Amino acid sequence: MQSLGLALIIFIYTNIALFTAAGTIYLSQKLFEPDKERYFYAFFLFLIAIFYLSFILYYGGDMALKNELYAISVFAVLACIGAFSTTILIVGYVLHGLWDFVHEFQQPLHSMLSNTDLVSIPLGYGVFCLVFDLIIAVYFYTRRKVWS
């Protein structure tokens, strides 16, 4: 029964991510000129990365703070460079989606991650972010000529 529940959660969050990505793309095209749209997404990459600080504050995770701050720093650098490079922005979103996915399944992956501590996240959040981030990265690929 628990597996069925997890499958349903994954299905629901995947669909929510699809609609959220579609809405984000639609609004970004309406609100920003093409040459400014990439700046918005670069800033958004930074915002979604620092969201992990709220998880540390809420769930606790002093042991995870160092790892999360390191990741936030990496995403901040990718966001800054990505504001001027579509390729780097694509890499940033793909890596962020994978980072979220690792958080989602950190218990089963713990043996592969050795003693790596990661903050807990709400169930389904990692799946949502992975799907959203990958769709957005594909969108960036389609916009690469417009943004160059």
N, C-alpha and C. Protein backbone atom coordinates (compact mmCIF):
# COMPACT_ATOMS: atom_id res chain seq x y z
N MET A 1 0.82 -1.19 0.00
CA MET A 1 0.00 0.00 0.00
C MET A 1 0.87 1.26 0.00
N GLN A 2 1.98 1.20 0.72
CA GLN A 2 2.87 2.36 0.79
C GLN A 2 3.48 2.65 -0.58
N SER A 3 3.81 1.61 -1.33
CA SER A 3 4.37 1.80 -2.68
C SER A 3 3.36 2.46 -3.60
N LEU A 4 2.11 2.09 -3.46
CA LEU A 4 1.05 2.71 -4.26
C LEU A 4 0.92 4.18 -3.90
N GLY A 5 1.00 4.48 -2.62
CA GLY A 5 0.94 5.87 -2.17
C GLY A 5 2.09 6.68 -2.72
N LEU A 6 3.28 6.11 -2.70
CA LEU A 6 4.45 6.81 -3.25
C LEU A 6 4.29 7.03 -4.75
N ALA A 7 3.79 6.04 -5.45
CA ALA A 7 3.57 6.17 -6.89
C ALA A 7 2.57 7.29 -7.18
N LEU A 8 1.54 7.37 -6.37
CA LEU A 8 0.53 8.42 -6.55
C LEU A 8 1.13 9.80 -6.27
N ILE A 9 1.94 9.90 -5.23
CA ILE A 9 2.61 11.17 -4.91
C ILE A 9 3.51 11.59 -6.07
N ILE A 10 4.27 10.66 -6.60
CA ILE A 10 5.17 10.96 -7.73
C ILE A 10 4.35 11.40 -8.94
N PHE A 11 3.25 10.71 -9.21
CA PHE A 11 2.39 11.08 -10.33
C PHE A 11 1.83 12.49 -10.17
N ILE A 12 1.33 12.78 -8.99
CA ILE A 12 0.73 14.10 -8.74
C ILE A 12 1.78 15.20 -8.85
N TYR A 13 2.92 15.02 -8.20
CA TYR A 13 3.96 16.05 -8.24
C TYR A 13 4.54 16.23 -9.64
N THR A 14 4.61 15.15 -10.40
CA THR A 14 5.08 15.26 -11.78
C THR A 14 4.13 16.12 -12.60
N ASN A 15 2.85 15.89 -12.44
CA ASN A 15 1.86 16.68 -13.18
C ASN A 15 1.83 18.13 -12.73
N ILE A 16 1.95 18.35 -11.44
CA ILE A 16 2.01 19.73 -10.95
C ILE A 16 3.24 20.44 -11.52
N ALA A 17 4.36 19.73 -11.59
CA ALA A 17 5.58 20.32 -12.16
C ALA A 17 5.40 20.66 -13.63
N LEU A 18 4.72 19.79 -14.37
CA LEU A 18 4.47 20.06 -15.79
C LEU A 18 3.67 21.36 -15.96
N PHE A 19 2.61 21.49 -15.20
CA PHE A 19 1.78 22.69 -15.30
C PHE A 19 2.51 23.93 -14.78
N THR A 20 3.28 23.77 -13.73
CA THR A 20 4.04 24.90 -13.19
C THR A 20 5.09 25.38 -14.19
N ALA A 21 5.77 24.45 -14.81
CA ALA A 21 6.78 24.82 -15.82
C ALA A 21 6.11 25.52 -16.99
N ALA A 22 4.99 24.99 -17.44
CA ALA A 22 4.27 25.62 -18.56
C ALA A 22 3.84 27.04 -18.20
N GLY A 23 3.33 27.21 -17.00
CA GLY A 23 2.91 28.54 -16.55
C GLY A 23 4.08 29.49 -16.41
N THR A 24 5.19 28.99 -15.89
CA THR A 24 6.38 29.82 -15.73
C THR A 24 6.91 30.28 -17.09
N ILE A 25 6.95 29.37 -18.02
CA ILE A 25 7.42 29.71 -19.38
C ILE A 25 6.49 30.73 -20.01
N TYR A 26 5.20 30.50 -19.91
CA TYR A 26 4.23 31.43 -20.48
C TYR A 26 4.39 32.84 -19.89
N LEU A 27 4.45 32.90 -18.56
CA LEU A 27 4.57 34.20 -17.91
C LEU A 27 5.90 34.89 -18.19
N SER A 28 6.97 34.12 -18.22
CA SER A 28 8.27 34.75 -18.47
C SER A 28 8.33 35.35 -19.87
N GLN A 29 7.68 34.70 -20.82
CA GLN A 29 7.65 35.25 -22.18
C GLN A 29 6.78 36.51 -22.25
N LYS A 30 5.75 36.56 -21.43
CA LYS A 30 4.86 37.72 -21.43
C LYS A 30 5.45 38.91 -20.66
N LEU A 31 6.19 38.61 -19.60
CA LEU A 31 6.68 39.66 -18.72
C LEU A 31 8.04 40.23 -19.11
N PHE A 32 8.85 39.44 -19.80
CA PHE A 32 10.22 39.86 -20.08
C PHE A 32 10.52 39.86 -21.57
N GLU A 33 11.28 40.85 -21.98
CA GLU A 33 11.83 40.84 -23.33
C GLU A 33 12.78 39.65 -23.42
N PRO A 34 12.95 39.07 -24.61
CA PRO A 34 13.83 37.90 -24.72
C PRO A 34 15.23 38.11 -24.15
N ASP A 35 15.79 39.31 -24.32
CA ASP A 35 17.14 39.53 -23.81
C ASP A 35 17.19 39.66 -22.28
N LYS A 36 16.05 39.82 -21.64
CA LYS A 36 15.99 39.91 -20.17
C LYS A 36 15.50 38.61 -19.52
N GLU A 37 14.90 37.77 -20.31
CA GLU A 37 14.31 36.54 -19.78
C GLU A 37 15.37 35.64 -19.12
N ARG A 38 16.53 35.54 -19.72
CA ARG A 38 17.59 34.70 -19.16
C ARG A 38 18.02 35.23 -17.79
N TYR A 39 18.02 36.54 -17.60
CA TYR A 39 18.38 37.11 -16.29
C TYR A 39 17.39 36.67 -15.22
N PHE A 40 16.12 36.67 -15.59
CA PHE A 40 15.09 36.20 -14.65
C PHE A 40 15.36 34.77 -14.22
N TYR A 41 15.62 33.90 -15.18
CA TYR A 41 15.84 32.49 -14.86
C TYR A 41 17.14 32.28 -14.08
N ALA A 42 18.13 33.09 -14.34
CA ALA A 42 19.38 32.99 -13.57
C ALA A 42 19.11 33.37 -12.11
N PHE A 43 18.38 34.44 -11.90
CA PHE A 43 18.04 34.84 -10.53
C PHE A 43 17.17 33.78 -9.86
N PHE A 44 16.26 33.21 -10.62
CA PHE A 44 15.38 32.17 -10.09
C PHE A 44 16.17 30.93 -9.66
N LEU A 45 17.23 30.59 -10.40
CA LEU A 45 18.09 29.47 -10.01
C LEU A 45 18.69 29.72 -8.63
N PHE A 46 19.13 30.94 -8.41
CA PHE A 46 19.67 31.28 -7.09
C PHE A 46 18.59 31.18 -6.01
N LEU A 47 17.39 31.69 -6.30
CA LEU A 47 16.31 31.63 -5.32
C LEU A 47 15.93 30.20 -4.94
N ILE A 48 15.82 29.33 -5.94
CA ILE A 48 15.42 27.96 -5.61
C ILE A 48 16.54 27.23 -4.89
N ALA A 49 17.77 27.66 -5.08
CA ALA A 49 18.88 27.04 -4.35
C ALA A 49 18.86 27.44 -2.87
N ILE A 50 18.59 28.72 -2.59
CA ILE A 50 18.60 29.14 -1.19
C ILE A 50 17.36 28.67 -0.43
N PHE A 51 16.41 28.11 -1.16
CA PHE A 51 15.23 27.54 -0.51
C PHE A 51 15.62 26.47 0.50
N TYR A 52 16.76 25.83 0.27
CA TYR A 52 17.22 24.79 1.19
C TYR A 52 17.56 25.33 2.57
N LEU A 53 17.85 26.60 2.67
CA LEU A 53 18.07 27.19 4.00
C LEU A 53 16.79 27.12 4.83
N SER A 54 15.65 27.31 4.18
CA SER A 54 14.38 27.21 4.92
C SER A 54 14.15 25.78 5.42
N PHE A 55 14.57 24.79 4.63
CA PHE A 55 14.43 23.41 5.08
C PHE A 55 15.32 23.13 6.28
N ILE A 56 16.52 23.70 6.28
CA ILE A 56 17.41 23.52 7.43
C ILE A 56 16.79 24.14 8.68
N LEU A 57 16.23 25.33 8.53
CA LEU A 57 15.60 25.99 9.67
C LEU A 57 14.38 25.23 10.16
N TYR A 58 13.61 24.68 9.24
CA TYR A 58 12.38 24.00 9.63
C TYR A 58 12.63 22.59 10.15
N TYR A 59 13.38 21.80 9.40
CA TYR A 59 13.59 20.40 9.75
C TYR A 59 14.80 20.18 10.67
N GLY A 60 15.60 21.21 10.83
CA GLY A 60 16.86 21.02 11.53
C GLY A 60 17.86 20.44 10.55
N GLY A 61 19.05 20.32 10.96
CA GLY A 61 20.03 19.76 10.04
C GLY A 61 21.35 20.48 10.13
N ASP A 62 21.79 20.70 11.35
CA ASP A 62 23.07 21.37 11.53
C ASP A 62 24.20 20.64 10.82
N MET A 63 24.10 19.31 10.78
CA MET A 63 25.14 18.52 10.12
C MET A 63 25.12 18.74 8.61
N ALA A 64 23.97 19.08 8.07
CA ALA A 64 23.82 19.27 6.63
C ALA A 64 24.15 20.69 6.19
N LEU A 65 24.27 21.61 7.13
CA LEU A 65 24.44 23.02 6.78
C LEU A 65 25.64 23.25 5.86
N LYS A 66 26.76 22.65 6.18
CA LYS A 66 27.96 22.84 5.36
C LYS A 66 27.73 22.37 3.92
N ASN A 67 27.16 21.19 3.76
CA ASN A 67 26.92 20.67 2.42
C ASN A 67 25.92 21.54 1.64
N GLU A 68 24.89 21.98 2.34
CA GLU A 68 23.88 22.80 1.66
C GLU A 68 24.45 24.17 1.28
N LEU A 69 25.26 24.75 2.16
CA LEU A 69 25.87 26.04 1.83
C LEU A 69 26.84 25.92 0.66
N TYR A 70 27.54 24.80 0.62
CA TYR A 70 28.43 24.55 -0.51
C TYR A 70 27.62 24.47 -1.81
N ALA A 71 26.53 23.73 -1.78
CA ALA A 71 25.69 23.60 -2.98
C ALA A 71 25.08 24.94 -3.38
N ILE A 72 24.62 25.70 -2.40
CA ILE A 72 24.06 27.02 -2.69
C ILE A 72 25.11 27.89 -3.35
N SER A 73 26.34 27.81 -2.87
CA SER A 73 27.43 28.60 -3.47
C SER A 73 27.67 28.20 -4.92
N VAL A 74 27.66 26.90 -5.18
CA VAL A 74 27.84 26.42 -6.56
C VAL A 74 26.71 26.93 -7.45
N PHE A 75 25.48 26.83 -6.97
CA PHE A 75 24.35 27.29 -7.77
C PHE A 75 24.36 28.81 -7.94
N ALA A 76 24.84 29.53 -6.95
CA ALA A 76 24.96 30.98 -7.07
C ALA A 76 25.95 31.35 -8.18
N VAL A 77 27.07 30.65 -8.21
CA VAL A 77 28.06 30.90 -9.27
C VAL A 77 27.48 30.55 -10.63
N LEU A 78 26.81 29.39 -10.71
CA LEU A 78 26.18 29.00 -11.98
C LEU A 78 25.12 30.02 -12.41
N ALA A 79 24.39 30.55 -11.46
CA ALA A 79 23.37 31.55 -11.78
C ALA A 79 24.01 32.83 -12.32
N CYS A 80 25.08 33.27 -11.68
CA CYS A 80 25.76 34.49 -12.13
C CYS A 80 26.32 34.32 -13.54
N ILE A 81 26.96 33.21 -13.78
CA ILE A 81 27.51 32.96 -15.12
C ILE A 81 26.37 32.68 -16.10
N GLY A 82 25.36 31.97 -15.63
CA GLY A 82 24.22 31.62 -16.48
C GLY A 82 23.43 32.81 -16.95
N ALA A 83 23.53 33.93 -16.25
CA ALA A 83 22.85 35.14 -16.71
C ALA A 83 23.37 35.58 -18.07
N PHE A 84 24.57 35.12 -18.42
CA PHE A 84 25.20 35.51 -19.68
C PHE A 84 25.48 34.33 -20.60
N SER A 85 25.18 33.11 -20.13
CA SER A 85 25.46 31.91 -20.91
C SER A 85 24.30 30.92 -20.78
N THR A 86 23.62 30.70 -21.87
CA THR A 86 22.50 29.76 -21.86
C THR A 86 22.97 28.36 -21.51
N THR A 87 24.12 27.97 -22.02
CA THR A 87 24.64 26.63 -21.74
C THR A 87 24.86 26.42 -20.24
N ILE A 88 25.45 27.40 -19.59
CA ILE A 88 25.69 27.29 -18.14
C ILE A 88 24.37 27.29 -17.38
N LEU A 89 23.41 28.05 -17.85
CA LEU A 89 22.10 28.06 -17.19
C LEU A 89 21.43 26.69 -17.32
N ILE A 90 21.56 26.07 -18.48
CA ILE A 90 21.03 24.72 -18.66
C ILE A 90 21.70 23.76 -17.69
N VAL A 91 23.02 23.83 -17.61
CA VAL A 91 23.77 22.96 -16.69
C VAL A 91 23.32 23.21 -15.25
N GLY A 92 23.14 24.46 -14.89
CA GLY A 92 22.71 24.80 -13.53
C GLY A 92 21.37 24.19 -13.17
N TYR A 93 20.41 24.29 -14.07
CA TYR A 93 19.08 23.73 -13.78
C TYR A 93 19.09 22.21 -13.76
N VAL A 94 19.84 21.60 -14.66
CA VAL A 94 19.93 20.13 -14.64
C VAL A 94 20.57 19.66 -13.34
N LEU A 95 21.66 20.30 -12.95
CA LEU A 95 22.33 19.92 -11.70
C LEU A 95 21.42 20.17 -10.50
N HIS A 96 20.67 21.26 -10.53
CA HIS A 96 19.76 21.54 -9.42
C HIS A 96 18.67 20.47 -9.33
N GLY A 97 18.14 20.08 -10.46
CA GLY A 97 17.13 19.02 -10.46
C GLY A 97 17.68 17.72 -9.90
N LEU A 98 18.90 17.39 -10.28
CA LEU A 98 19.53 16.17 -9.75
C LEU A 98 19.81 16.30 -8.26
N TRP A 99 20.23 17.48 -7.82
CA TRP A 99 20.46 17.73 -6.40
C TRP A 99 19.17 17.51 -5.60
N ASP A 100 18.07 18.02 -6.12
CA ASP A 100 16.78 17.82 -5.47
C ASP A 100 16.41 16.34 -5.42
N PHE A 101 16.64 15.66 -6.52
CA PHE A 101 16.29 14.24 -6.61
C PHE A 101 17.09 13.42 -5.60
N VAL A 102 18.37 13.75 -5.45
CA VAL A 102 19.20 13.05 -4.45
C VAL A 102 18.63 13.28 -3.05
N HIS A 103 18.18 14.49 -2.78
CA HIS A 103 17.57 14.76 -1.47
C HIS A 103 16.31 13.91 -1.26
N GLU A 104 15.53 13.77 -2.32
CA GLU A 104 14.28 13.02 -2.22
C GLU A 104 14.53 11.58 -1.78
N PHE A 105 15.57 11.01 -2.32
CA PHE A 105 15.84 9.60 -2.05
C PHE A 105 17.14 9.40 -1.28
N GLN A 106 17.43 10.32 -0.37
CA GLN A 106 18.70 10.25 0.34
C GLN A 106 18.82 9.04 1.25
N GLN A 107 17.73 8.55 1.79
CA GLN A 107 17.83 7.36 2.65
C GLN A 107 18.29 6.14 1.86
N PRO A 108 17.64 5.81 0.73
CA PRO A 108 18.13 4.66 -0.05
C PRO A 108 19.52 4.89 -0.64
N LEU A 109 19.86 6.14 -0.92
CA LEU A 109 21.15 6.44 -1.53
C LEU A 109 22.24 6.67 -0.50
N HIS A 110 21.89 6.65 0.78
CA HIS A 110 22.84 7.02 1.82
C HIS A 110 24.12 6.19 1.76
N SER A 111 24.00 4.91 1.44
CA SER A 111 25.21 4.08 1.38
C SER A 111 26.13 4.53 0.25
N MET A 112 25.56 5.01 -0.85
CA MET A 112 26.39 5.50 -1.96
C MET A 112 27.00 6.85 -1.63
N LEU A 113 26.31 7.63 -0.80
CA LEU A 113 26.78 8.97 -0.46
C LEU A 113 27.72 8.96 0.73
N SER A 114 28.02 7.81 1.25
CA SER A 114 28.86 7.61 2.44
C SER A 114 28.33 8.42 3.61
N ASN A 115 29.11 9.29 4.16
CA ASN A 115 28.68 10.05 5.33
C ASN A 115 28.16 11.45 4.98
N THR A 116 27.67 11.61 3.79
CA THR A 116 27.17 12.91 3.37
C THR A 116 25.84 13.19 4.04
N ASP A 117 25.76 14.31 4.71
CA ASP A 117 24.51 14.72 5.35
C ASP A 117 23.80 15.73 4.47
N LEU A 118 22.53 15.48 4.24
CA LEU A 118 21.69 16.38 3.48
C LEU A 118 20.47 16.70 4.31
N VAL A 119 19.93 17.88 4.13
CA VAL A 119 18.74 18.27 4.87
C VAL A 119 17.53 17.50 4.33
N SER A 120 16.58 17.26 5.20
CA SER A 120 15.33 16.62 4.78
C SER A 120 14.50 17.62 3.98
N ILE A 121 13.71 17.09 3.07
CA ILE A 121 12.80 17.91 2.28
C ILE A 121 11.42 17.26 2.32
N PRO A 122 10.38 18.02 2.02
CA PRO A 122 9.04 17.43 1.99
C PRO A 122 8.95 16.32 0.93
N LEU A 123 8.20 15.29 1.23
CA LEU A 123 8.02 14.18 0.30
C LEU A 123 7.42 14.70 -1.01
N GLY A 124 8.03 14.36 -2.10
CA GLY A 124 7.56 14.78 -3.41
C GLY A 124 8.25 16.02 -3.95
N TYR A 125 8.88 16.78 -3.08
CA TYR A 125 9.53 18.03 -3.50
C TYR A 125 10.65 17.76 -4.51
N GLY A 126 11.45 16.75 -4.26
CA GLY A 126 12.55 16.44 -5.16
C GLY A 126 12.08 16.01 -6.54
N VAL A 127 11.00 15.25 -6.57
CA VAL A 127 10.43 14.82 -7.86
C VAL A 127 9.90 16.04 -8.61
N PHE A 128 9.16 16.88 -7.90
CA PHE A 128 8.63 18.10 -8.51
C PHE A 128 9.76 18.92 -9.12
N CYS A 129 10.80 19.16 -8.33
CA CYS A 129 11.90 20.02 -8.79
C CYS A 129 12.67 19.40 -9.96
N LEU A 130 12.89 18.10 -9.90
CA LEU A 130 13.59 17.45 -11.01
C LEU A 130 12.82 17.63 -12.31
N VAL A 131 11.54 17.36 -12.28
CA VAL A 131 10.72 17.49 -13.49
C VAL A 131 10.68 18.94 -13.95
N PHE A 132 10.42 19.86 -13.02
CA PHE A 132 10.36 21.28 -13.36
C PHE A 132 11.69 21.74 -13.96
N ASP A 133 12.79 21.44 -13.28
CA ASP A 133 14.10 21.91 -13.72
C ASP A 133 14.48 21.34 -15.09
N LEU A 134 14.15 20.09 -15.34
CA LEU A 134 14.48 19.50 -16.64
C LEU A 134 13.65 20.12 -17.76
N ILE A 135 12.38 20.37 -17.50
CA ILE A 135 11.54 21.02 -18.52
C ILE A 135 12.06 22.42 -18.80
N ILE A 136 12.40 23.15 -17.76
CA ILE A 136 12.92 24.50 -17.93
C ILE A 136 14.25 24.47 -18.69
N ALA A 137 15.10 23.49 -18.39
CA ALA A 137 16.38 23.37 -19.11
C ALA A 137 16.15 23.11 -20.60
N VAL A 138 15.18 22.27 -20.91
CA VAL A 138 14.85 22.02 -22.33
C VAL A 138 14.33 23.31 -22.97
N TYR A 139 13.53 24.05 -22.25
CA TYR A 139 13.05 25.34 -22.75
C TYR A 139 14.23 26.27 -23.06
N PHE A 140 15.20 26.32 -22.17
CA PHE A 140 16.38 27.16 -22.41
C PHE A 140 17.07 26.75 -23.71
N TYR A 141 17.15 25.46 -23.93
CA TYR A 141 17.78 24.97 -25.16
C TYR A 141 17.04 25.50 -26.39
N THR A 142 15.71 25.53 -26.30
CA THR A 142 14.93 26.04 -27.44
C THR A 142 15.08 27.55 -27.60
N ARG A 143 15.47 28.24 -26.55
CA ARG A 143 15.61 29.71 -26.59
C ARG A 143 17.04 30.17 -26.85
N ARG A 144 17.97 29.24 -27.00
CA ARG A 144 19.39 29.61 -27.07
C ARG A 144 19.69 30.60 -28.19
N LYS A 145 19.02 30.50 -29.32
CA LYS A 145 19.29 31.44 -30.42
C LYS A 145 18.67 32.80 -30.14
N VAL A 146 17.51 32.80 -29.52
CA VAL A 146 16.85 34.07 -29.18
C VAL A 146 17.65 34.82 -28.11
N TRP A 147 18.26 34.07 -27.20
CA TRP A 147 18.99 34.68 -26.09
C TRP A 147 20.44 35.02 -26.44
N SER A 148 20.92 34.61 -27.61
CA SER A 148 22.34 34.85 -27.91
C SER A 148 22.59 36.26 -28.40
